[in-house]
Amino acid sequence: MYGILVFLHVITCLLLVTVILMQASKGGGLAGTFGGASTAMFGGRGAGSFLSKVTVGLAATFMVLAILISLVNVPTGSGDSIVRKMAEEEVVSPAADLPVPLSLPQNEVKEK
């Protein structure tokens, strides 16, 4: 479920960027890249209103998907980190439990 939502979110992001770049701005944007085809297809003002509606729809989809992804990704369990769990599981014996040698090794000095 999480993977599908992320995939849809990425596709929505790419479409949203594309639609925003296609809109005409003061500088012309990428709307003039396609020549007169956009005015022939949508009419004089039709392209602007159509792209505006698509932008609003994609922006709403973007927000809904972002909220759904955050809800699906709610952590379950105790919330402890893996490192902390492993540290608790590891048994460390105290030094008092180690065997004590009966006699200390002595350094033998050889005389020449």
PDB file of N, CA and C in Angstrom:
ATOM      1  N   MET A   1       0.827  -1.194   0.000  1.00  0.00           N
ATOM      2  CA  MET A   1       0.000   0.000   0.000  1.00  0.00           C
ATOM      3  C   MET A   1       0.870   1.258   0.000  1.00  0.00           C
ATOM      4  N   TYR A   2       1.890   1.237   0.856  1.00  0.00           N
ATOM      5  CA  TYR A   2       2.779   2.388   0.960  1.00  0.00           C
ATOM      6  C   TYR A   2       3.502   2.644  -0.363  1.00  0.00           C
ATOM      7  N   GLY A   3       3.988   1.574  -0.980  1.00  0.00           N
ATOM      8  CA  GLY A   3       4.704   1.710  -2.245  1.00  0.00           C
ATOM      9  C   GLY A   3       3.821   2.251  -3.364  1.00  0.00           C
ATOM     10  N   ILE A   4       2.582   1.809  -3.403  1.00  0.00           N
ATOM     11  CA  ILE A   4       1.643   2.290  -4.426  1.00  0.00           C
ATOM     12  C   ILE A   4       1.368   3.775  -4.233  1.00  0.00           C
ATOM     13  N   LEU A   5       1.175   4.180  -2.977  1.00  0.00           N
ATOM     14  CA  LEU A   5       0.915   5.604  -2.705  1.00  0.00           C
ATOM     15  C   LEU A   5       2.110   6.473  -3.066  1.00  0.00           C
ATOM     16  N   VAL A   6       3.308   5.994  -2.769  1.00  0.00           N
ATOM     17  CA  VAL A   6       4.505   6.765  -3.124  1.00  0.00           C
ATOM     18  C   VAL A   6       4.648   6.858  -4.638  1.00  0.00           C
ATOM     19  N   PHE A   7       4.382   5.766  -5.337  1.00  0.00           N
ATOM     20  CA  PHE A   7       4.444   5.775  -6.801  1.00  0.00           C
ATOM     21  C   PHE A   7       3.451   6.785  -7.383  1.00  0.00           C
ATOM     22  N   LEU A   8       2.212   6.757  -6.896  1.00  0.00           N
ATOM     23  CA  LEU A   8       1.206   7.724  -7.363  1.00  0.00           C
ATOM     24  C   LEU A   8       1.606   9.160  -7.029  1.00  0.00           C
ATOM     25  N   HIS A   9       2.231   9.339  -5.878  1.00  0.00           N
ATOM     26  CA  HIS A   9       2.663  10.670  -5.464  1.00  0.00           C
ATOM     27  C   HIS A   9       3.758  11.208  -6.398  1.00  0.00           C
ATOM     28  N   VAL A  10       4.692  10.347  -6.765  1.00  0.00           N
ATOM     29  CA  VAL A  10       5.766  10.768  -7.681  1.00  0.00           C
ATOM     30  C   VAL A  10       5.192  11.103  -9.055  1.00  0.00           C
ATOM     31  N   ILE A  11       4.280  10.284  -9.549  1.00  0.00           N
ATOM     32  CA  ILE A  11       3.643  10.561 -10.840  1.00  0.00           C
ATOM     33  C   ILE A  11       2.886  11.888 -10.781  1.00  0.00           C
ATOM     34  N   THR A  12       2.162  12.110  -9.685  1.00  0.00           N
ATOM     35  CA  THR A  12       1.434  13.378  -9.522  1.00  0.00           C
ATOM     36  C   THR A  12       2.396  14.555  -9.493  1.00  0.00           C
ATOM     37  N   CYS A  13       3.524  14.397  -8.821  1.00  0.00           N
ATOM     38  CA  CYS A  13       4.523  15.472  -8.773  1.00  0.00           C
ATOM     39  C   CYS A  13       5.048  15.809 -10.162  1.00  0.00           C
ATOM     40  N   LEU A  14       5.370  14.776 -10.933  1.00  0.00           N
ATOM     41  CA  LEU A  14       5.890  15.017 -12.286  1.00  0.00           C
ATOM     42  C   LEU A  14       4.840  15.688 -13.174  1.00  0.00           C
ATOM     43  N   LEU A  15       3.601  15.234 -13.083  1.00  0.00           N
ATOM     44  CA  LEU A  15       2.535  15.859 -13.871  1.00  0.00           C
ATOM     45  C   LEU A  15       2.301  17.299 -13.440  1.00  0.00           C
ATOM     46  N   LEU A  16       2.350  17.553 -12.150  1.00  0.00           N
ATOM     47  CA  LEU A  16       2.141  18.904 -11.642  1.00  0.00           C
ATOM     48  C   LEU A  16       3.233  19.850 -12.125  1.00  0.00           C
ATOM     49  N   VAL A  17       4.471  19.402 -12.094  1.00  0.00           N
ATOM     50  CA  VAL A  17       5.575  20.229 -12.597  1.00  0.00           C
ATOM     51  C   VAL A  17       5.394  20.503 -14.081  1.00  0.00           C
ATOM     52  N   THR A  18       5.010  19.480 -14.844  1.00  0.00           N
ATOM     53  CA  THR A  18       4.820  19.646 -16.283  1.00  0.00           C
ATOM     54  C   THR A  18       3.702  20.635 -16.588  1.00  0.00           C
ATOM     55  N   VAL A  19       2.578  20.506 -15.894  1.00  0.00           N
ATOM     56  CA  VAL A  19       1.439  21.402 -16.152  1.00  0.00           C
ATOM     57  C   VAL A  19       1.773  22.828 -15.752  1.00  0.00           C
ATOM     58  N   ILE A  20       2.491  23.007 -14.650  1.00  0.00           N
ATOM     59  CA  ILE A  20       2.859  24.358 -14.231  1.00  0.00           C
ATOM     60  C   ILE A  20       3.802  24.996 -15.246  1.00  0.00           C
ATOM     61  N   LEU A  21       4.744  24.213 -15.760  1.00  0.00           N
ATOM     62  CA  LEU A  21       5.667  24.765 -16.754  1.00  0.00           C
ATOM     63  C   LEU A  21       4.983  25.076 -18.082  1.00  0.00           C
ATOM     64  N   MET A  22       3.899  24.397 -18.388  1.00  0.00           N
ATOM     65  CA  MET A  22       3.202  24.642 -19.646  1.00  0.00           C
ATOM     66  C   MET A  22       2.351  25.909 -19.607  1.00  0.00           C
ATOM     67  N   GLN A  23       2.025  26.392 -18.427  1.00  0.00           N
ATOM     68  CA  GLN A  23       1.185  27.582 -18.332  1.00  0.00           C
ATOM     69  C   GLN A  23       1.952  28.813 -18.799  1.00  0.00           C
ATOM     70  N   ALA A  24       1.232  29.685 -19.457  1.00  0.00           N
ATOM     71  CA  ALA A  24       1.845  30.914 -19.959  1.00  0.00           C
ATOM     72  C   ALA A  24       2.039  31.888 -18.808  1.00  0.00           C
ATOM     73  N   SER A  25       3.226  32.446 -18.746  1.00  0.00           N
ATOM     74  CA  SER A  25       3.505  33.477 -17.751  1.00  0.00           C
ATOM     75  C   SER A  25       3.820  34.765 -18.497  1.00  0.00           C
ATOM     76  N   LYS A  26       4.335  35.752 -17.790  1.00  0.00           N
ATOM     77  CA  LYS A  26       4.677  37.013 -18.455  1.00  0.00           C
ATOM     78  C   LYS A  26       5.751  36.793 -19.510  1.00  0.00           C
ATOM     79  N   GLY A  27       6.668  35.854 -19.220  1.00  0.00           N
ATOM     80  CA  GLY A  27       7.738  35.567 -20.164  1.00  0.00           C
ATOM     81  C   GLY A  27       7.334  34.579 -21.239  1.00  0.00           C
ATOM     82  N   GLY A  28       6.178  34.025 -21.168  1.00  0.00           N
ATOM     83  CA  GLY A  28       5.727  33.073 -22.171  1.00  0.00           C
ATOM     84  C   GLY A  28       5.793  31.639 -21.703  1.00  0.00           C
ATOM     85  N   GLY A  29       6.737  31.291 -20.826  1.00  0.00           N
ATOM     86  CA  GLY A  29       6.846  29.929 -20.300  1.00  0.00           C
ATOM     87  C   GLY A  29       7.065  28.919 -21.410  1.00  0.00           C
ATOM     88  N   LEU A  30       6.657  27.721 -21.182  1.00  0.00           N
ATOM     89  CA  LEU A  30       6.765  26.672 -22.194  1.00  0.00           C
ATOM     90  C   LEU A  30       5.506  26.577 -23.042  1.00  0.00           C
ATOM     91  N   ALA A  31       4.540  27.438 -22.785  1.00  0.00           N
ATOM     92  CA  ALA A  31       3.294  27.381 -23.538  1.00  0.00           C
ATOM     93  C   ALA A  31       3.532  27.677 -25.018  1.00  0.00           C
ATOM     94  N   GLY A  32       4.496  28.517 -25.325  1.00  0.00           N
ATOM     95  CA  GLY A  32       4.789  28.845 -26.711  1.00  0.00           C
ATOM     96  C   GLY A  32       5.619  27.797 -27.413  1.00  0.00           C
ATOM     97  N   THR A  33       6.099  26.821 -26.697  1.00  0.00           N
ATOM     98  CA  THR A  33       6.943  25.789 -27.280  1.00  0.00           C
ATOM     99  C   THR A  33       6.184  24.953 -28.291  1.00  0.00           C
ATOM    100  N   PHE A  34       4.904  24.739 -28.034  1.00  0.00           N
ATOM    101  CA  PHE A  34       4.119  23.870 -28.897  1.00  0.00           C
ATOM    102  C   PHE A  34       3.496  24.624 -30.068  1.00  0.00           C
ATOM    103  N   GLY A  35       3.848  25.856 -30.234  1.00  0.00           N
ATOM    104  CA  GLY A  35       3.354  26.634 -31.363  1.00  0.00           C
ATOM    105  C   GLY A  35       1.896  27.007 -31.200  1.00  0.00           C
ATOM    106  N   GLY A  36       1.183  27.067 -32.297  1.00  0.00           N
ATOM    107  CA  GLY A  36      -0.217  27.471 -32.264  1.00  0.00           C
ATOM    108  C   GLY A  36      -1.165  26.323 -31.982  1.00  0.00           C
ATOM    109  N   ALA A  37      -0.631  25.155 -31.704  1.00  0.00           N
ATOM    110  CA  ALA A  37      -1.490  23.991 -31.484  1.00  0.00           C
ATOM    111  C   ALA A  37      -2.362  24.160 -30.245  1.00  0.00           C
ATOM    112  N   SER A  38      -1.839  24.814 -29.223  1.00  0.00           N
ATOM    113  CA  SER A  38      -2.619  24.946 -27.996  1.00  0.00           C
ATOM    114  C   SER A  38      -3.793  25.903 -28.193  1.00  0.00           C
ATOM    115  N   THR A  39      -3.615  26.954 -28.984  1.00  0.00           N
ATOM    116  CA  THR A  39      -4.728  27.871 -29.210  1.00  0.00           C
ATOM    117  C   THR A  39      -5.759  27.246 -30.135  1.00  0.00           C
ATOM    118  N   ALA A  40      -5.311  26.382 -31.050  1.00  0.00           N
ATOM    119  CA  ALA A  40      -6.258  25.738 -31.936  1.00  0.00           C
ATOM    120  C   ALA A  40      -7.078  24.682 -31.195  1.00  0.00           C
ATOM    121  N   MET A  41      -6.459  24.031 -30.239  1.00  0.00           N
ATOM    122  CA  MET A  41      -7.147  22.962 -29.526  1.00  0.00           C
ATOM    123  C   MET A  41      -8.082  23.506 -28.457  1.00  0.00           C
ATOM    124  N   PHE A  42      -7.617  24.471 -27.666  1.00  0.00           N
ATOM    125  CA  PHE A  42      -8.384  24.952 -26.529  1.00  0.00           C
ATOM    126  C   PHE A  42      -9.090  26.284 -26.781  1.00  0.00           C
ATOM    127  N   GLY A  43      -8.797  26.916 -27.870  1.00  0.00           N
ATOM    128  CA  GLY A  43      -9.341  28.245 -28.106  1.00  0.00           C
ATOM    129  C   GLY A  43      -8.396  29.301 -27.556  1.00  0.00           C
ATOM    130  N   GLY A  44      -8.774  30.573 -27.661  1.00  0.00           N
ATOM    131  CA  GLY A  44      -7.905  31.663 -27.223  1.00  0.00           C
ATOM    132  C   GLY A  44      -7.595  31.625 -25.742  1.00  0.00           C
ATOM    133  N   ARG A  45      -8.564  31.520 -24.897  1.00  0.00           N
ATOM    134  CA  ARG A  45      -8.365  31.531 -23.459  1.00  0.00           C
ATOM    135  C   ARG A  45      -8.564  30.141 -22.870  1.00  0.00           C
ATOM    136  N   GLY A  46      -8.993  29.190 -23.685  1.00  0.00           N
ATOM    137  CA  GLY A  46      -9.303  27.849 -23.196  1.00  0.00           C
ATOM    138  C   GLY A  46      -8.112  27.115 -22.609  1.00  0.00           C
ATOM    139  N   ALA A  47      -6.926  27.318 -23.173  1.00  0.00           N
ATOM    140  CA  ALA A  47      -5.743  26.626 -22.666  1.00  0.00           C
ATOM    141  C   ALA A  47      -5.420  27.084 -21.254  1.00  0.00           C
ATOM    142  N   GLY A  48      -5.538  28.374 -20.999  1.00  0.00           N
ATOM    143  CA  GLY A  48      -5.229  28.898 -19.674  1.00  0.00           C
ATOM    144  C   GLY A  48      -6.177  28.381 -18.614  1.00  0.00           C
ATOM    145  N   SER A  49      -7.451  28.384 -18.890  1.00  0.00           N
ATOM    146  CA  SER A  49      -8.405  27.910 -17.893  1.00  0.00           C
ATOM    147  C   SER A  49      -8.319  26.391 -17.723  1.00  0.00           C
ATOM    148  N   PHE A  50      -8.075  25.661 -18.815  1.00  0.00           N
ATOM    149  CA  PHE A  50      -7.941  24.210 -18.719  1.00  0.00           C
ATOM    150  C   PHE A  50      -6.719  23.839 -17.880  1.00  0.00           C
ATOM    151  N   LEU A  51      -5.580  24.478 -18.173  1.00  0.00           N
ATOM    152  CA  LEU A  51      -4.368  24.179 -17.419  1.00  0.00           C
ATOM    153  C   LEU A  51      -4.500  24.608 -15.959  1.00  0.00           C
ATOM    154  N   SER A  52      -5.237  25.682 -15.718  1.00  0.00           N
ATOM    155  CA  SER A  52      -5.469  26.110 -14.338  1.00  0.00           C
ATOM    156  C   SER A  52      -6.295  25.073 -13.579  1.00  0.00           C
ATOM    157  N   LYS A  53      -7.311  24.539 -14.232  1.00  0.00           N
ATOM    158  CA  LYS A  53      -8.134  23.508 -13.589  1.00  0.00           C
ATOM    159  C   LYS A  53      -7.342  22.232 -13.336  1.00  0.00           C
ATOM    160  N   VAL A  54      -6.508  21.847 -14.292  1.00  0.00           N
ATOM    161  CA  VAL A  54      -5.677  20.658 -14.119  1.00  0.00           C
ATOM    162  C   VAL A  54      -4.678  20.886 -12.982  1.00  0.00           C
ATOM    163  N   THR A  55      -4.127  22.087 -12.893  1.00  0.00           N
ATOM    164  CA  THR A  55      -3.184  22.408 -11.827  1.00  0.00           C
ATOM    165  C   THR A  55      -3.851  22.306 -10.461  1.00  0.00           C
ATOM    166  N   VAL A  56      -5.045  22.826 -10.334  1.00  0.00           N
ATOM    167  CA  VAL A  56      -5.770  22.756  -9.067  1.00  0.00           C
ATOM    168  C   VAL A  56      -6.071  21.295  -8.711  1.00  0.00           C
ATOM    169  N   GLY A  57      -6.495  20.516  -9.690  1.00  0.00           N
ATOM    170  CA  GLY A  57      -6.786  19.103  -9.439  1.00  0.00           C
ATOM    171  C   GLY A  57      -5.552  18.319  -9.023  1.00  0.00           C
ATOM    172  N   LEU A  58      -4.430  18.561  -9.710  1.00  0.00           N
ATOM    173  CA  LEU A  58      -3.195  17.866  -9.354  1.00  0.00           C
ATOM    174  C   LEU A  58      -2.664  18.312  -7.997  1.00  0.00           C
ATOM    175  N   ALA A  59      -2.830  19.599  -7.688  1.00  0.00           N
ATOM    176  CA  ALA A  59      -2.388  20.098  -6.378  1.00  0.00           C
ATOM    177  C   ALA A  59      -3.213  19.461  -5.253  1.00  0.00           C
ATOM    178  N   ALA A  60      -4.516  19.330  -5.468  1.00  0.00           N
ATOM    179  CA  ALA A  60      -5.374  18.683  -4.469  1.00  0.00           C
ATOM    180  C   ALA A  60      -4.996  17.211  -4.322  1.00  0.00           C
ATOM    181  N   THR A  61      -4.728  16.543  -5.433  1.00  0.00           N
ATOM    182  CA  THR A  61      -4.305  15.144  -5.395  1.00  0.00           C
ATOM    183  C   THR A  61      -2.974  15.004  -4.662  1.00  0.00           C
ATOM    184  N   PHE A  62      -2.059  15.930  -4.916  1.00  0.00           N
ATOM    185  CA  PHE A  62      -0.760  15.945  -4.241  1.00  0.00           C
ATOM    186  C   PHE A  62      -0.934  16.022  -2.727  1.00  0.00           C
ATOM    187  N   MET A  63      -1.794  16.928  -2.272  1.00  0.00           N
ATOM    188  CA  MET A  63      -2.010  17.107  -0.834  1.00  0.00           C
ATOM    189  C   MET A  63      -2.671  15.881  -0.215  1.00  0.00           C
ATOM    190  N   VAL A  64      -3.665  15.319  -0.885  1.00  0.00           N
ATOM    191  CA  VAL A  64      -4.356  14.141  -0.353  1.00  0.00           C
ATOM    192  C   VAL A  64      -3.397  12.962  -0.265  1.00  0.00           C
ATOM    193  N   LEU A  65      -2.585  12.762  -1.295  1.00  0.00           N
ATOM    194  CA  LEU A  65      -1.623  11.665  -1.265  1.00  0.00           C
ATOM    195  C   LEU A  65      -0.579  11.866  -0.176  1.00  0.00           C
ATOM    196  N   ALA A  66      -0.139  13.104   0.027  1.00  0.00           N
ATOM    197  CA  ALA A  66       0.838  13.373   1.086  1.00  0.00           C
ATOM    198  C   ALA A  66       0.261  13.035   2.459  1.00  0.00           C
ATOM    199  N   ILE A  67      -0.995  13.384   2.676  1.00  0.00           N
ATOM    200  CA  ILE A  67      -1.644  13.069   3.957  1.00  0.00           C
ATOM    201  C   ILE A  67      -1.821  11.559   4.111  1.00  0.00           C
ATOM    202  N   LEU A  68      -2.236  10.878   3.048  1.00  0.00           N
ATOM    203  CA  LEU A  68      -2.411   9.422   3.105  1.00  0.00           C
ATOM    204  C   LEU A  68      -1.089   8.708   3.376  1.00  0.00           C
ATOM    205  N   ILE A  69      -0.017   9.169   2.743  1.00  0.00           N
ATOM    206  CA  ILE A  69       1.295   8.556   2.968  1.00  0.00           C
ATOM    207  C   ILE A  69       1.721   8.740   4.414  1.00  0.00           C
ATOM    208  N   SER A  70       1.466   9.910   4.974  1.00  0.00           N
ATOM    209  CA  SER A  70       1.851  10.135   6.369  1.00  0.00           C
ATOM    210  C   SER A  70       1.012   9.298   7.321  1.00  0.00           C
ATOM    211  N   LEU A  71      -0.247   9.030   6.975  1.00  0.00           N
ATOM    212  CA  LEU A  71      -1.092   8.199   7.828  1.00  0.00           C
ATOM    213  C   LEU A  71      -0.728   6.724   7.727  1.00  0.00           C
ATOM    214  N   VAL A  72      -0.374   6.273   6.540  1.00  0.00           N
ATOM    215  CA  VAL A  72      -0.016   4.877   6.342  1.00  0.00           C
ATOM    216  C   VAL A  72       1.331   4.570   6.989  1.00  0.00           C
ATOM    217  N   ASN A  73       2.214   5.534   7.037  1.00  0.00           N
ATOM    218  CA  ASN A  73       3.567   5.345   7.534  1.00  0.00           C
ATOM    219  C   ASN A  73       3.672   5.573   9.038  1.00  0.00           C
ATOM    220  N   VAL A  74       2.588   5.445   9.779  1.00  0.00           N
ATOM    221  CA  VAL A  74       2.622   5.618  11.225  1.00  0.00           C
ATOM    222  C   VAL A  74       3.392   4.440  11.817  1.00  0.00           C
ATOM    223  N   PRO A  75       4.410   4.716  12.632  1.00  0.00           N
ATOM    224  CA  PRO A  75       5.190   3.606  13.186  1.00  0.00           C
ATOM    225  C   PRO A  75       4.365   2.784  14.165  1.00  0.00           C
ATOM    226  N   THR A  76       4.534   1.481  14.102  1.00  0.00           N
ATOM    227  CA  THR A  76       3.841   0.596  15.020  1.00  0.00           C
ATOM    228  C   THR A  76       4.851  -0.012  15.967  1.00  0.00           C
ATOM    229  N   GLY A  77       4.419  -0.384  17.125  1.00  0.00           N
ATOM    230  CA  GLY A  77       5.317  -1.005  18.090  1.00  0.00           C
ATOM    231  C   GLY A  77       5.715  -0.020  19.164  1.00  0.00           C
ATOM    232  N   SER A  78       6.815  -0.336  19.819  1.00  0.00           N
ATOM    233  CA  SER A  78       7.241   0.466  20.965  1.00  0.00           C
ATOM    234  C   SER A  78       7.961   1.738  20.554  1.00  0.00           C
ATOM    235  N   GLY A  79       8.421   1.820  19.337  1.00  0.00           N
ATOM    236  CA  GLY A  79       9.104   3.021  18.879  1.00  0.00           C
ATOM    237  C   GLY A  79      10.573   3.051  19.256  1.00  0.00           C
ATOM    238  N   ASP A  80      11.085   1.973  19.859  1.00  0.00           N
ATOM    239  CA  ASP A  80      12.504   1.923  20.189  1.00  0.00           C
ATOM    240  C   ASP A  80      13.315   1.668  18.935  1.00  0.00           C
ATOM    241  N   SER A  81      14.543   2.091  18.972  1.00  0.00           N
ATOM    242  CA  SER A  81      15.404   1.867  17.831  1.00  0.00           C
ATOM    243  C   SER A  81      15.932   0.436  17.850  1.00  0.00           C
ATOM    244  N   ILE A  82      16.387  -0.020  16.731  1.00  0.00           N
ATOM    245  CA  ILE A  82      16.916  -1.375  16.614  1.00  0.00           C
ATOM    246  C   ILE A  82      18.181  -1.511  17.459  1.00  0.00           C
ATOM    247  N   VAL A  83      18.987  -0.472  17.491  1.00  0.00           N
ATOM    248  CA  VAL A  83      20.227  -0.519  18.267  1.00  0.00           C
ATOM    249  C   VAL A  83      19.911  -0.691  19.755  1.00  0.00           C
ATOM    250  N   ARG A  84      18.907   0.035  20.236  1.00  0.00           N
ATOM    251  CA  ARG A  84      18.537  -0.067  21.643  1.00  0.00           C
ATOM    252  C   ARG A  84      18.002  -1.464  21.956  1.00  0.00           C
ATOM    253  N   LYS A  85      17.213  -2.041  21.069  1.00  0.00           N
ATOM    254  CA  LYS A  85      16.690  -3.387  21.287  1.00  0.00           C
ATOM    255  C   LYS A  85      17.810  -4.413  21.335  1.00  0.00           C
ATOM    256  N   MET A  86      18.775  -4.290  20.442  1.00  0.00           N
ATOM    257  CA  MET A  86      19.892  -5.228  20.422  1.00  0.00           C
ATOM    258  C   MET A  86      20.762  -5.076  21.663  1.00  0.00           C
ATOM    259  N   ALA A  87      20.922  -3.858  22.152  1.00  0.00           N
ATOM    260  CA  ALA A  87      21.716  -3.636  23.353  1.00  0.00           C
ATOM    261  C   ALA A  87      21.050  -4.265  24.569  1.00  0.00           C
ATOM    262  N   GLU A  88      19.737  -4.242  24.624  1.00  0.00           N
ATOM    263  CA  GLU A  88      19.023  -4.856  25.738  1.00  0.00           C
ATOM    264  C   GLU A  88      19.097  -6.376  25.676  1.00  0.00           C
ATOM    265  N   GLU A  89      19.103  -6.930  24.478  1.00  0.00           N
ATOM    266  CA  GLU A  89      19.152  -8.379  24.329  1.00  0.00           C
ATOM    267  C   GLU A  89      20.530  -8.945  24.631  1.00  0.00           C
ATOM    268  N   GLU A  90      21.583  -8.167  24.398  1.00  0.00           N
ATOM    269  CA  GLU A  90      22.936  -8.646  24.603  1.00  0.00           C
ATOM    270  C   GLU A  90      23.204  -8.788  26.097  1.00  0.00           C
ATOM    271  N   VAL A  91      23.653  -9.973  26.492  1.00  0.00           N
ATOM    272  CA  VAL A  91      23.924 -10.240  27.895  1.00  0.00           C
ATOM    273  C   VAL A  91      25.414 -10.035  28.130  1.00  0.00           C
ATOM    274  N   VAL A  92      25.720  -9.152  29.051  1.00  0.00           N
ATOM    275  CA  VAL A  92      27.103  -8.876  29.403  1.00  0.00           C
ATOM    276  C   VAL A  92      27.291  -9.325  30.844  1.00  0.00           C
ATOM    277  N   SER A  93      28.237 -10.236  31.050  1.00  0.00           N
ATOM    278  CA  SER A  93      28.471 -10.709  32.412  1.00  0.00           C
ATOM    279  C   SER A  93      29.414  -9.746  33.117  1.00  0.00           C
ATOM    280  N   PRO A  94      29.156  -9.476  34.366  1.00  0.00           N
ATOM    281  CA  PRO A  94      30.033  -8.562  35.100  1.00  0.00           C
ATOM    282  C   PRO A  94      31.391  -9.204  35.353  1.00  0.00           C
ATOM    283  N   ALA A  95      32.368  -8.389  35.667  1.00  0.00           N
ATOM    284  CA  ALA A  95      33.735  -8.864  35.880  1.00  0.00           C
ATOM    285  C   ALA A  95      33.842  -9.737  37.111  1.00  0.00           C
ATOM    286  N   ALA A  96      32.943  -9.627  38.061  1.00  0.00           N
ATOM    287  CA  ALA A  96      33.005 -10.424  39.281  1.00  0.00           C
ATOM    288  C   ALA A  96      32.768 -11.898  38.993  1.00  0.00           C
ATOM    289  N   ASP A  97      32.114 -12.220  37.932  1.00  0.00           N
ATOM    290  CA  ASP A  97      31.834 -13.610  37.599  1.00  0.00           C
ATOM    291  C   ASP A  97      32.993 -14.303  36.889  1.00  0.00           C
ATOM    292  N   LEU A  98      34.034 -13.570  36.542  1.00  0.00           N
ATOM    293  CA  LEU A  98      35.173 -14.169  35.848  1.00  0.00           C
ATOM    294  C   LEU A  98      36.011 -14.979  36.827  1.00  0.00           C
ATOM    295  N   PRO A  99      36.600 -16.081  36.385  1.00  0.00           N
ATOM    296  CA  PRO A  99      37.439 -16.874  37.291  1.00  0.00           C
ATOM    297  C   PRO A  99      38.717 -16.119  37.658  1.00  0.00           C
ATOM    298  N   VAL A 100      39.074 -16.236  38.921  1.00  0.00           N
ATOM    299  CA  VAL A 100      40.282 -15.563  39.419  1.00  0.00           C
ATOM    300  C   VAL A 100      41.411 -16.587  39.411  1.00  0.00           C
ATOM    301  N   PRO A 101      42.589 -16.240  38.850  1.00  0.00           N
ATOM    302  CA  PRO A 101      43.700 -17.203  38.847  1.00  0.00           C
ATOM    303  C   PRO A 101      44.201 -17.446  40.281  1.00  0.00           C
ATOM    304  N   LEU A 102      44.623 -18.680  40.540  1.00  0.00           N
ATOM    305  CA  LEU A 102      45.103 -19.029  41.882  1.00  0.00           C
ATOM    306  C   LEU A 102      46.446 -18.393  42.187  1.00  0.00           C
ATOM    307  N   SER A 103      47.289 -18.333  41.207  1.00  0.00           N
ATOM    308  CA  SER A 103      48.579 -17.682  41.429  1.00  0.00           C
ATOM    309  C   SER A 103      48.883 -16.805  40.232  1.00  0.00           C
ATOM    310  N   LEU A 104      49.552 -15.745  40.509  1.00  0.00           N
ATOM    311  CA  LEU A 104      49.921 -14.822  39.449  1.00  0.00           C
ATOM    312  C   LEU A 104      51.147 -15.347  38.732  1.00  0.00           C
ATOM    313  N   PRO A 105      51.204 -15.232  37.443  1.00  0.00           N
ATOM    314  CA  PRO A 105      52.409 -15.676  36.740  1.00  0.00           C
ATOM    315  C   PRO A 105      53.586 -14.777  37.100  1.00  0.00           C
ATOM    316  N   GLN A 106      54.706 -15.391  37.343  1.00  0.00           N
ATOM    317  CA  GLN A 106      55.900 -14.624  37.715  1.00  0.00           C
ATOM    318  C   GLN A 106      56.858 -14.602  36.556  1.00  0.00           C
ATOM    319  N   ASN A 107      57.480 -13.482  36.417  1.00  0.00           N
ATOM    320  CA  ASN A 107      58.462 -13.331  35.344  1.00  0.00           C
ATOM    321  C   ASN A 107      59.771 -13.990  35.781  1.00  0.00           C
ATOM    322  N   GLU A 108      60.189 -14.881  34.995  1.00  0.00           N
ATOM    323  CA  GLU A 108      61.466 -15.533  35.287  1.00  0.00           C
ATOM    324  C   GLU A 108      62.544 -14.808  34.524  1.00  0.00           C
ATOM    325  N   VAL A 109      63.515 -14.379  35.233  1.00  0.00           N
ATOM    326  CA  VAL A 109      64.630 -13.666  34.624  1.00  0.00           C
ATOM    327  C   VAL A 109      65.780 -14.627  34.493  1.00  0.00           C
ATOM    328  N   LYS A 110      66.242 -14.813  33.312  1.00  0.00           N
ATOM    329  CA  LYS A 110      67.371 -15.711  33.066  1.00  0.00           C
ATOM    330  C   LYS A 110      68.649 -14.905  33.156  1.00  0.00           C
ATOM    331  N   GLU A 111      69.549 -15.414  33.904  1.00  0.00           N
ATOM    332  CA  GLU A 111      70.841 -14.747  34.035  1.00  0.00           C
ATOM    333  C   GLU A 111      71.792 -15.310  32.987  1.00  0.00           C
ATOM    334  N   LYS A 112      72.592 -14.435  32.458  1.00  0.00           N
ATOM    335  CA  LYS A 112      73.535 -14.843  31.427  1.00  0.00           C
ATOM    336  C   LYS A 112      74.851 -15.146  31.992  1.00  0.00           C
TER     337      LYS A 112
END
